[in-house]
């Protein structure tokens, strides 16, 4: 994810990670070993996972500027690989300029429900 984030730094693309249920110390230890340039939030009680419907971990979502889930992946994915990069580029091609800036200026609405399947959804 970090490599993808860095390669898209000039595009309307941001990464946010949510850690489910680990202690602040465990999160800090992981980030000391694997430094990232994006925010890592702590979901101590699983509330965010329930709202997003993350029944499988890891769960990854590509969310547009209006807070709609445009793509979901349940399970591991190489975000620096060609398949993930192509999907991100496809979705970015449909993003008007200034969308990320507008999205950062307002709170994120409740997400759309994810698909029931643990497989990638479109």
C-alpha atoms as a PDB file:
ATOM      1  CA  UNK A   1       0.000   0.000   0.000  1.00  0.00           C
ATOM      2  CA  UNK A   2       2.821   2.380   0.825  1.00  0.00           C
ATOM      3  CA  UNK A   3       4.478   1.886  -2.581  1.00  0.00           C
ATOM      4  CA  UNK A   4       1.161   2.478  -4.343  1.00  0.00           C
ATOM      5  CA  UNK A   5       0.464   5.558  -2.192  1.00  0.00           C
ATOM      6  CA  UNK A   6       3.890   7.036  -2.973  1.00  0.00           C
ATOM      7  CA  UNK A   7       3.541   6.351  -6.695  1.00  0.00           C
ATOM      8  CA  UNK A   8       0.188   8.160  -6.757  1.00  0.00           C
ATOM      9  CA  UNK A   9       1.195  11.095  -4.536  1.00  0.00           C
ATOM     10  CA  UNK A  10       0.274  13.667  -7.200  1.00  0.00           C
ATOM     11  CA  UNK A  11      -3.125  12.079  -7.876  1.00  0.00           C
ATOM     12  CA  UNK A  12      -6.407  12.333  -5.923  1.00  0.00           C
ATOM     13  CA  UNK A  13      -5.590   9.199  -3.916  1.00  0.00           C
ATOM     14  CA  UNK A  14      -5.040   8.684  -0.195  1.00  0.00           C
ATOM     15  CA  UNK A  15      -4.524   5.659   2.041  1.00  0.00           C
ATOM     16  CA  UNK A  16      -5.928   5.209   5.521  1.00  0.00           C
ATOM     17  CA  UNK A  17      -5.396   2.059   7.568  1.00  0.00           C
ATOM     18  CA  UNK A  18      -7.561   0.814  10.411  1.00  0.00           C
ATOM     19  CA  UNK A  19      -6.073  -1.599  12.931  1.00  0.00           C
ATOM     20  CA  UNK A  20      -8.621  -3.913  14.493  1.00  0.00           C
ATOM     21  CA  UNK A  21      -8.318  -4.548  18.210  1.00  0.00           C
ATOM     22  CA  UNK A  22      -4.575  -4.440  18.812  1.00  0.00           C
ATOM     23  CA  UNK A  23      -2.991  -2.426  21.588  1.00  0.00           C
ATOM     24  CA  UNK A  24      -1.317   0.915  20.887  1.00  0.00           C
ATOM     25  CA  UNK A  25       1.991  -0.747  21.775  1.00  0.00           C
ATOM     26  CA  UNK A  26       1.497  -3.535  19.212  1.00  0.00           C
ATOM     27  CA  UNK A  27       0.572  -0.981  16.555  1.00  0.00           C
ATOM     28  CA  UNK A  28       3.640   1.139  17.371  1.00  0.00           C
ATOM     29  CA  UNK A  29       5.906  -1.930  17.234  1.00  0.00           C
ATOM     30  CA  UNK A  30       4.533  -2.899  13.829  1.00  0.00           C
ATOM     31  CA  UNK A  31       4.946   0.649  12.483  1.00  0.00           C
ATOM     32  CA  UNK A  32       8.522   0.723  13.780  1.00  0.00           C
ATOM     33  CA  UNK A  33       9.231  -2.358  11.635  1.00  0.00           C
ATOM     34  CA  UNK A  34       7.075  -1.280   8.678  1.00  0.00           C
ATOM     35  CA  UNK A  35       6.974   2.522   8.490  1.00  0.00           C
ATOM     36  CA  UNK A  36       4.186   4.016   6.385  1.00  0.00           C
ATOM     37  CA  UNK A  37       3.366   7.532   5.239  1.00  0.00           C
ATOM     38  CA  UNK A  38      -0.354   7.303   5.933  1.00  0.00           C
ATOM     39  CA  UNK A  39      -2.536   7.437   9.020  1.00  0.00           C
ATOM     40  CA  UNK A  40      -3.210   4.245  10.962  1.00  0.00           C
ATOM     41  CA  UNK A  41      -6.317   4.429  13.115  1.00  0.00           C
ATOM     42  CA  UNK A  42      -7.160   2.049  15.956  1.00  0.00           C
ATOM     43  CA  UNK A  43     -10.528   0.286  16.038  1.00  0.00           C
ATOM     44  CA  UNK A  44     -10.241  -0.930  19.622  1.00  0.00           C
ATOM     45  CA  UNK A  45     -13.753  -2.373  19.941  1.00  0.00           C
ATOM     46  CA  UNK A  46     -14.467  -3.400  16.340  1.00  0.00           C
ATOM     47  CA  UNK A  47     -17.118  -0.697  15.807  1.00  0.00           C
ATOM     48  CA  UNK A  48     -15.609   0.469  12.506  1.00  0.00           C
ATOM     49  CA  UNK A  49     -15.296  -3.112  11.258  1.00  0.00           C
ATOM     50  CA  UNK A  50     -18.981  -3.692  12.014  1.00  0.00           C
ATOM     51  CA  UNK A  51     -20.084  -0.480  10.266  1.00  0.00           C
ATOM     52  CA  UNK A  52     -18.019  -1.336   7.194  1.00  0.00           C
ATOM     53  CA  UNK A  53     -19.106  -4.974   7.235  1.00  0.00           C
ATOM     54  CA  UNK A  54     -15.534  -6.249   7.415  1.00  0.00           C
ATOM     55  CA  UNK A  55     -16.318  -9.868   8.178  1.00  0.00           C
ATOM     56  CA  UNK A  56     -13.023 -11.064   6.683  1.00  0.00           C
ATOM     57  CA  UNK A  57      -9.570  -9.666   7.382  1.00  0.00           C
ATOM     58  CA  UNK A  58      -7.786  -8.088   5.816  1.00  0.00           C
ATOM     59  CA  UNK A  59     -10.486  -6.029   4.130  1.00  0.00           C
ATOM     60  CA  UNK A  60      -9.614  -3.205   1.752  1.00  0.00           C
ATOM     61  CA  UNK A  61     -11.928  -0.628   0.252  1.00  0.00           C
ATOM     62  CA  UNK A  62     -11.477   1.955  -2.471  1.00  0.00           C
ATOM     63  CA  UNK A  63     -13.808   4.799  -1.526  1.00  0.00           C
ATOM     64  CA  UNK A  64     -14.678   7.732  -3.769  1.00  0.00           C
ATOM     65  CA  UNK A  65     -14.912  11.390  -2.739  1.00  0.00           C
ATOM     66  CA  UNK A  66     -18.588  10.950  -1.858  1.00  0.00           C
ATOM     67  CA  UNK A  67     -17.849   8.087   0.555  1.00  0.00           C
ATOM     68  CA  UNK A  68     -19.142   5.321  -1.717  1.00  0.00           C
ATOM     69  CA  UNK A  69     -17.279   2.039  -1.792  1.00  0.00           C
ATOM     70  CA  UNK A  70     -16.214   1.595  -5.418  1.00  0.00           C
ATOM     71  CA  UNK A  71     -14.152  -1.574  -4.972  1.00  0.00           C
ATOM     72  CA  UNK A  72     -13.710  -4.024  -2.107  1.00  0.00           C
ATOM     73  CA  UNK A  73     -11.172  -6.788  -1.562  1.00  0.00           C
ATOM     74  CA  UNK A  74     -11.419  -9.369   1.208  1.00  0.00           C
ATOM     75  CA  UNK A  75      -8.145 -11.148   1.829  1.00  0.00           C
ATOM     76  CA  UNK A  76      -4.553 -10.336   1.032  1.00  0.00           C
ATOM     77  CA  UNK A  77      -3.710  -8.305  -2.058  1.00  0.00           C
ATOM     78  CA  UNK A  78      -0.410  -6.996  -3.384  1.00  0.00           C
ATOM     79  CA  UNK A  79      -1.343  -3.324  -3.720  1.00  0.00           C
ATOM     80  CA  UNK A  80       1.845  -2.658  -5.678  1.00  0.00           C
ATOM     81  CA  UNK A  81       0.936  -5.354  -8.221  1.00  0.00           C
ATOM     82  CA  UNK A  82      -0.389  -4.747 -11.713  1.00  0.00           C
ATOM     83  CA  UNK A  83      -3.965  -5.875 -10.991  1.00  0.00           C
ATOM     84  CA  UNK A  84      -4.474  -3.540  -8.032  1.00  0.00           C
ATOM     85  CA  UNK A  85      -2.724  -0.674  -9.798  1.00  0.00           C
ATOM     86  CA  UNK A  86      -4.946  -1.110 -12.878  1.00  0.00           C
ATOM     87  CA  UNK A  87      -8.115  -0.980 -10.746  1.00  0.00           C
ATOM     88  CA  UNK A  88      -6.957   2.133  -8.917  1.00  0.00           C
ATOM     89  CA  UNK A  89      -5.996   3.807 -12.203  1.00  0.00           C
ATOM     90  CA  UNK A  90      -9.379   2.864 -13.695  1.00  0.00           C
ATOM     91  CA  UNK A  91     -11.211   4.458 -10.793  1.00  0.00           C
ATOM     92  CA  UNK A  92      -8.940   7.504 -10.755  1.00  0.00           C
ATOM     93  CA  UNK A  93      -9.712   8.044 -14.431  1.00  0.00           C
ATOM     94  CA  UNK A  94     -13.303   8.752 -13.416  1.00  0.00           C
ATOM     95  CA  UNK A  95     -12.345  11.206 -10.646  1.00  0.00           C
ATOM     96  CA  UNK A  96     -12.729  14.908 -11.459  1.00  0.00           C
ATOM     97  CA  UNK A  97      -9.915  17.234 -10.368  1.00  0.00           C
ATOM     98  CA  UNK A  98     -10.320  18.583  -6.852  1.00  0.00           C
ATOM     99  CA  UNK A  99     -12.325  15.597  -5.587  1.00  0.00           C
ATOM    100  CA  UNK A 100      -9.778  14.584  -2.938  1.00  0.00           C
ATOM    101  CA  UNK A 101      -9.501  18.142  -1.661  1.00  0.00           C
ATOM    102  CA  UNK A 102     -13.296  18.416  -1.367  1.00  0.00           C
ATOM    103  CA  UNK A 103     -13.470  15.044   0.368  1.00  0.00           C
ATOM    104  CA  UNK A 104     -10.850  16.076   2.916  1.00  0.00           C
ATOM    105  CA  UNK A 105     -12.868  19.197   3.688  1.00  0.00           C
ATOM    106  CA  UNK A 106     -15.949  17.277   4.897  1.00  0.00           C
ATOM    107  CA  UNK A 107     -16.534  14.271   7.128  1.00  0.00           C
ATOM    108  CA  UNK A 108     -16.854  10.852   5.529  1.00  0.00           C
ATOM    109  CA  UNK A 109     -20.476   9.652   5.430  1.00  0.00           C
ATOM    110  CA  UNK A 110     -21.473   6.150   6.483  1.00  0.00           C
ATOM    111  CA  UNK A 111     -20.198   3.611   3.947  1.00  0.00           C
ATOM    112  CA  UNK A 112     -22.284   1.681   1.487  1.00  0.00           C
ATOM    113  CA  UNK A 113     -22.666  -1.933   2.583  1.00  0.00           C
ATOM    114  CA  UNK A 114     -19.975  -4.222   1.154  1.00  0.00           C
ATOM    115  CA  UNK A 115     -20.871  -7.240  -0.950  1.00  0.00           C
ATOM    116  CA  UNK A 116     -21.642 -10.473   0.886  1.00  0.00           C
ATOM    117  CA  UNK A 117     -18.981 -12.468  -0.977  1.00  0.00           C
ATOM    118  CA  UNK A 118     -15.405 -12.641   0.385  1.00  0.00           C
ATOM    119  CA  UNK A 119     -14.178 -12.246  -3.180  1.00  0.00           C
ATOM    120  CA  UNK A 120     -13.278  -8.962  -4.837  1.00  0.00           C
ATOM    121  CA  UNK A 121     -16.327  -6.948  -5.834  1.00  0.00           C
ATOM    122  CA  UNK A 122     -16.712  -4.337  -8.531  1.00  0.00           C
END
